[in-house]
Amino acid sequence: MIDVFVLVVTCLLTWWLASAYSPFQIHDAPNERSLHEHPTPRTGGLAILAGVTLGWCVLIIFGDGLSTTMFWIVFAALLVAAVSILDDILELSPFLRLGAHLLAAGLLVTAGISLSFAWIGGFISLFGLVWMLNLYNFMDGMDGFAGGMTVSGFGMMGLAAWLHGDIGFANYSLIVCFSALGFLVFNFPPARIFMGDAGSATLGLLAGAFALWGVRDQMFPIWFPLLIFSPFIVDATVTLVRRGLRGEKVWQAHREHFYQRLVRAGWGHRKTVLVEYGLMLLVGASALWLLHHQAWVFEVLAAWSIFYIGLMLLAERYTNRKRSV
């Protein structure tokens, strides 16, 4: 019941923030990175965070209380959310944002939300948290995309935890999933509101933190969150590596992600995001299947790697051909 309640509350808050009645009139003006043509409210992340906060408070008050792990996740998320809200309003320096991201990730790793490979595990965890936080922000450039990834990613982690028997983790994760679903009602193409940095950066941190939490407590192996979030991870990583190899400033706004190129090549927001949703469901379903058929892990992960390579080559060829016409 709490999941449905959170969905309804987030949906109503998103409607209010997208309307002329909202006191938070912060708009995303089109720029060189944008795929939209008109100023659009970017305060939807506030509705998502409010829904998550409400749901988590209910779980904490009427459940087993606030665990140490959840305390540090909440604290780190509040830090990132506060800096991101300021960034939405004032456009902070990238170095100030990165400093806050490193601090939040460092707090989580110090608190033990980390891979257990001595110091190297801590370093990988720190890098992974900061990268997940930022790639979520990079990939929040198409109507319905980041919201859909949140529904799928946290939904799959919640199901995996439930199958493992960890109901607490499952409930926390599913509340994020349903809160994002409420936001999607008004963010699905054509979007009436965006989540903004407050939503994308905080959800990215939560995705990384929940992934490390699940791996640490042996609810699922490390490949599981990497696979379910691969539609974001692969596109963002490959795109930024290519830009870096060309000597371009990777932190600058651009429209070179594969999803952006498909939208610009004529697919549009709706067709592109629906194809991405199909991909999210496929990788999620295969990841859940692999949890109970781990003898096939190498073969399935290899098949997905080959599939992604082929998919990127096809997208490259298609968008280049459209560009030359």
Foldseek 3Di string as FASTA:
>chain_A
DLLVVLLVQLLVVLVCQLDPNDPDPQWDDDDQQAPDHHTAAQASLVSLVVSLVVSVVCCQVPHVHQDLLNVLLVVLLVQLLVVQVCCSVPVDDPVVSLVSQLVSQLSNVVSPLWDPPPVVGSVVLSVQLSVLLVLLVVPQRFQPASLLLLLLLLQLLLVLLVVLPNNVLNSSSSSSNSSSVSNSVQRHPVHSYHNGSSRRNSSSNVLSSSLSVCCVVVSDPNVLSCQLNVVSVVQLVVQLVVCVVVVHDSPDRHQPGLLSLVCVLPCNRNNSRVVVSVSNVVSSVVSSVCRVVVVCVVVVVVVVVVVVVVVVVVSVVSSVVSVVD
